Protein backbone atom coordinates (compact mmCIF):
# COMPACT_ATOMS: atom_id res chain seq x y z
CA UNK A 1 -0.14 0.00 0.25
CA UNK A 2 1.57 3.47 -0.94
CA UNK A 3 1.90 6.31 1.44
CA UNK A 4 -1.24 8.11 0.25
CA UNK A 5 -3.27 5.13 0.35
CA UNK A 6 -1.95 4.60 3.95
CA UNK A 7 -2.93 8.25 4.90
CA UNK A 8 -6.34 7.73 3.42
CA UNK A 9 -6.72 4.72 5.43
CA UNK A 10 -5.68 6.73 8.79
CA UNK A 11 -7.61 9.46 7.65
CA UNK A 12 -10.75 7.22 7.10
CA UNK A 13 -10.29 5.27 10.42
CA UNK A 14 -10.21 8.24 12.60
CA UNK A 15 -13.07 10.20 10.35
CA UNK A 16 -15.24 7.46 11.18
CA UNK A 17 -14.16 7.41 14.79
CA UNK A 18 -14.85 11.12 15.33
CA UNK A 19 -18.41 11.16 13.88
CA UNK A 20 -19.43 8.10 15.62
CA UNK A 21 -18.59 10.03 18.60
CA UNK A 22 -15.91 7.17 19.68
CA UNK A 23 -13.91 10.41 20.12
CA UNK A 24 -15.81 12.97 21.90
CA UNK A 25 -15.21 16.45 22.03
CA UNK A 26 -11.61 17.32 23.95
CA UNK A 27 -10.61 13.93 23.69
CA UNK A 28 -7.00 13.48 22.74
CA UNK A 29 -6.24 11.53 19.59
CA UNK A 30 -2.69 9.58 20.81
CA UNK A 31 -0.72 8.99 17.67
CA UNK A 32 0.91 5.61 18.93
CA UNK A 33 -2.21 4.41 19.67
CA UNK A 34 -3.86 4.74 15.93
CA UNK A 35 -0.13 3.51 14.52
CA UNK A 36 -0.71 0.37 16.64
CA UNK A 37 -4.31 -0.01 15.55
CA UNK A 38 -3.86 0.50 12.01
CA UNK A 39 -0.06 -1.24 11.78
CA UNK A 40 1.56 2.13 9.59
CA UNK A 41 3.90 4.35 10.97
CA UNK A 42 3.29 7.98 11.93
CA UNK A 43 3.63 9.67 8.84
CA UNK A 44 0.67 8.56 7.47
CA UNK A 45 -1.00 9.28 10.62
CA UNK A 46 0.47 12.66 11.17
CA UNK A 47 -0.83 13.42 7.61
CA UNK A 48 -4.33 12.28 8.24
CA UNK A 49 -4.58 14.44 11.38
CA UNK A 50 -3.03 17.39 9.52
CA UNK A 51 -5.97 16.93 7.09
CA UNK A 52 -8.67 16.51 9.86
CA UNK A 53 -7.21 19.88 11.02
CA UNK A 54 -8.26 21.20 8.02
CA UNK A 55 -11.55 19.76 8.18
CA UNK A 56 -11.95 21.51 11.05
CA UNK A 57 -12.75 18.40 13.46
CA UNK A 58 -9.89 18.35 15.34
CA UNK A 59 -6.82 21.13 16.69
CA UNK A 60 -3.33 20.68 17.93
CA UNK A 61 -2.14 22.47 21.21
CA UNK A 62 1.49 22.57 21.41
CA UNK A 63 3.31 19.99 23.92
CA UNK A 64 -0.24 18.72 24.51
CA UNK A 65 -1.20 17.02 20.97
CA UNK A 66 -4.44 16.89 18.78
CA UNK A 67 -7.50 17.05 20.53
CA UNK A 68 -11.17 16.37 19.10
CA UNK A 69 -12.74 20.00 18.12
CA UNK A 70 -16.04 20.97 19.67
CA UNK A 71 -18.39 21.92 17.18
CA UNK A 72 -20.41 25.27 18.33
CA UNK A 73 -23.47 27.02 17.93
CA UNK A 74 -21.54 29.55 15.69
CA UNK A 75 -20.36 26.52 13.16
CA UNK A 76 -23.69 25.13 12.63
CA UNK A 77 -25.13 28.28 11.56
CA UNK A 78 -22.45 29.23 9.84
CA UNK A 79 -21.98 26.37 7.97
CA UNK A 80 -26.26 26.48 7.22
CA UNK A 81 -25.69 29.62 5.92
CA UNK A 82 -23.45 28.70 3.58
CA UNK A 83 -24.90 25.65 2.56
CA UNK A 84 -28.27 27.71 1.56
CA UNK A 85 -26.51 30.34 -0.30
CA UNK A 86 -24.26 28.06 -2.47
CA UNK A 87 -27.07 25.21 -2.66
CA UNK A 88 -29.60 28.22 -4.17
CA UNK A 89 -27.30 29.50 -6.30
CA UNK A 90 -26.64 25.90 -8.03
CA UNK A 91 -29.98 25.21 -7.99
CA UNK A 92 -30.71 27.69 -10.69
CA UNK A 93 -28.76 25.94 -13.46
CA UNK A 94 -29.87 22.46 -12.12
CA UNK A 95 -33.11 23.11 -12.51
CA UNK A 96 -32.37 24.49 -15.95
CA UNK A 97 -29.89 21.64 -16.73
CA UNK A 98 -30.54 18.36 -15.38
CA UNK A 99 -31.57 15.62 -17.51
CA UNK A 100 -34.92 14.20 -16.82
CA UNK A 101 -33.25 10.97 -16.37
CA UNK A 102 -31.41 11.44 -13.63
CA UNK A 103 -33.90 14.06 -11.47
CA UNK A 104 -36.36 11.31 -12.37
CA UNK A 105 -33.91 8.70 -10.84
CA UNK A 106 -33.82 10.46 -7.39
CA UNK A 107 -37.79 10.63 -7.12
CA UNK A 108 -37.48 6.61 -7.38
CA UNK A 109 -34.68 6.55 -5.08
CA UNK A 110 -36.30 8.80 -2.48
CA UNK A 111 -39.71 7.07 -2.95
CA UNK A 112 -38.30 3.52 -2.26
CA UNK A 113 -36.99 4.43 0.95
CA UNK A 114 -39.39 2.60 3.75
CA UNK A 115 -39.10 1.59 7.13
CA UNK A 116 -36.84 -0.99 6.24
CA UNK A 117 -34.38 1.25 4.63
CA UNK A 118 -31.32 1.73 6.86
CA UNK A 119 -29.77 4.82 7.95
CA UNK A 120 -26.88 4.68 5.61
CA UNK A 121 -28.86 4.46 2.64
CA UNK A 122 -30.71 7.44 3.61
CA UNK A 123 -27.32 9.24 4.37
CA UNK A 124 -26.36 8.23 0.47
CA UNK A 125 -29.98 9.67 -0.86
CA UNK A 126 -29.25 12.81 1.03
CA UNK A 127 -25.53 13.39 0.22
CA UNK A 128 -26.02 12.51 -3.54
CA UNK A 129 -29.15 14.81 -3.72
CA UNK A 130 -27.22 17.68 -2.59
CA UNK A 131 -23.82 17.07 -4.00
CA UNK A 132 -25.80 16.70 -7.74
CA UNK A 133 -27.04 19.87 -7.15
CA UNK A 134 -23.85 21.47 -6.32
CA UNK A 135 -22.55 19.48 -9.26
CA UNK A 136 -24.45 22.29 -11.47
CA UNK A 137 -22.65 25.22 -9.76
CA UNK A 138 -20.40 26.95 -12.45
CA UNK A 139 -18.27 28.67 -9.34
CA UNK A 140 -15.34 26.68 -8.70
CA UNK A 141 -14.85 28.80 -5.76
CA UNK A 142 -18.19 27.91 -3.94
CA UNK A 143 -17.50 24.27 -4.42
CA UNK A 144 -14.12 24.14 -3.64
CA UNK A 145 -14.90 26.28 -0.04
CA UNK A 146 -17.91 23.58 0.47
CA UNK A 147 -15.41 20.72 0.29
CA UNK A 148 -13.74 22.84 3.19
CA UNK A 149 -16.71 22.30 5.37
CA UNK A 150 -17.93 19.09 3.82
CA UNK A 151 -16.86 16.82 7.22
CA UNK A 152 -18.97 19.29 9.22
CA UNK A 153 -21.81 18.72 7.26
CA UNK A 154 -21.30 15.12 7.35
CA UNK A 155 -21.45 15.49 10.96
CA UNK A 156 -24.48 17.31 11.31
CA UNK A 157 -26.01 15.02 8.66
CA UNK A 158 -25.38 12.02 11.33
CA UNK A 159 -26.54 14.32 14.42
CA UNK A 160 -29.79 15.27 12.71
CA UNK A 161 -30.67 11.33 12.07
CA UNK A 162 -30.38 10.98 15.80
CA UNK A 163 -34.18 11.93 15.70
CA UNK A 164 -36.17 9.25 14.25
CA UNK A 165 -38.96 11.38 13.12
CA UNK A 166 -36.44 13.82 11.00
CA UNK A 167 -35.64 11.09 8.75
CA UNK A 168 -39.52 10.68 7.11
CA UNK A 169 -39.60 14.44 7.38
CA UNK A 170 -36.47 14.49 5.38
CA UNK A 171 -37.79 12.26 2.61
CA UNK A 172 -40.80 14.53 2.18
CA UNK A 173 -38.95 17.35 2.06
CA UNK A 174 -36.41 15.79 -0.18
CA UNK A 175 -38.98 14.54 -2.72
CA UNK A 176 -40.85 17.77 -2.84
CA UNK A 177 -37.57 19.30 -4.24
CA UNK A 178 -37.19 16.36 -6.89
CA UNK A 179 -40.70 17.26 -7.83
CA UNK A 180 -40.50 20.98 -8.22
CA UNK A 181 -36.73 20.21 -10.40
CA UNK A 182 -38.91 18.01 -12.65
CA UNK A 183 -41.27 20.77 -13.04
CA UNK A 184 -38.13 23.06 -13.72
CA UNK A 185 -39.75 25.45 -11.07
CA UNK A 186 -36.82 27.19 -9.64
CA UNK A 187 -38.82 29.36 -7.18
CA UNK A 188 -40.52 26.39 -5.73
CA UNK A 189 -37.54 24.22 -5.73
CA UNK A 190 -35.62 26.97 -4.08
CA UNK A 191 -38.63 27.38 -1.43
CA UNK A 192 -38.38 23.51 -0.58
CA UNK A 193 -34.64 23.42 -0.72
CA UNK A 194 -34.54 26.44 2.07
CA UNK A 195 -37.12 25.15 3.93
CA UNK A 196 -35.58 21.60 4.20
CA UNK A 197 -31.92 22.91 4.87
CA UNK A 198 -33.92 25.27 8.14
CA UNK A 199 -35.26 22.08 9.36
CA UNK A 200 -32.38 20.17 9.28
CA UNK A 201 -30.15 22.97 11.32
CA UNK A 202 -32.96 23.31 13.96
CA UNK A 203 -33.01 19.63 14.54
CA UNK A 204 -29.16 19.88 14.64
CA UNK A 205 -29.10 22.61 17.24
CA UNK A 206 -31.79 20.89 19.32
CA UNK A 207 -29.89 17.66 19.35
CA UNK A 208 -26.48 19.53 20.44
CA UNK A 209 -28.23 21.58 22.98
CA UNK A 210 -30.26 18.31 24.39
CA UNK A 211 -26.86 16.85 24.79
CA UNK A 212 -25.38 19.96 25.98
CA UNK A 213 -22.90 20.36 23.56
CA UNK A 214 -23.16 23.57 22.95
């Protein structure tokens, strides 16, 4: 396995453990423990930690080490403000240019979700829909900046899923967005998208407040 592959393996391992709250905010990540767990040297682990720091999930303190960063109320507000601005901007082009086949495929995927669908399936539909909207953004700076907060978006996606009622509500909201896009109705699609993102934001804030994280 090459150096870059080892770094990605370490990153994926730490990313999943942080998002699963195996490493809670304030926890010190011990490089030696990660090296032992993954049977690799310190270099790829350090590279993975540097990437996680750039993602806003960890931070370093001199002479102490790398700690898991606590996500704050301001983080939530700022990330969702960015998402609304960027995704509604991209939505204009998406409504005009997405193929009938691609958007109908999303409609079928959303309608196929039922009580037997696991959380991972729902994650994937949510992530794929929002990524597809952003795919039509012609502003590469927007696309690249959104990638820098992608790790926090993924964290919020999982936090929101902690509320079971939120999963079924998201399904209905996704379907409303997709149907408006199918009708090439930008104003309705924008209204549905903004409402959906606002509902997720409120859900995330509620979960964090109940857990006394913020």
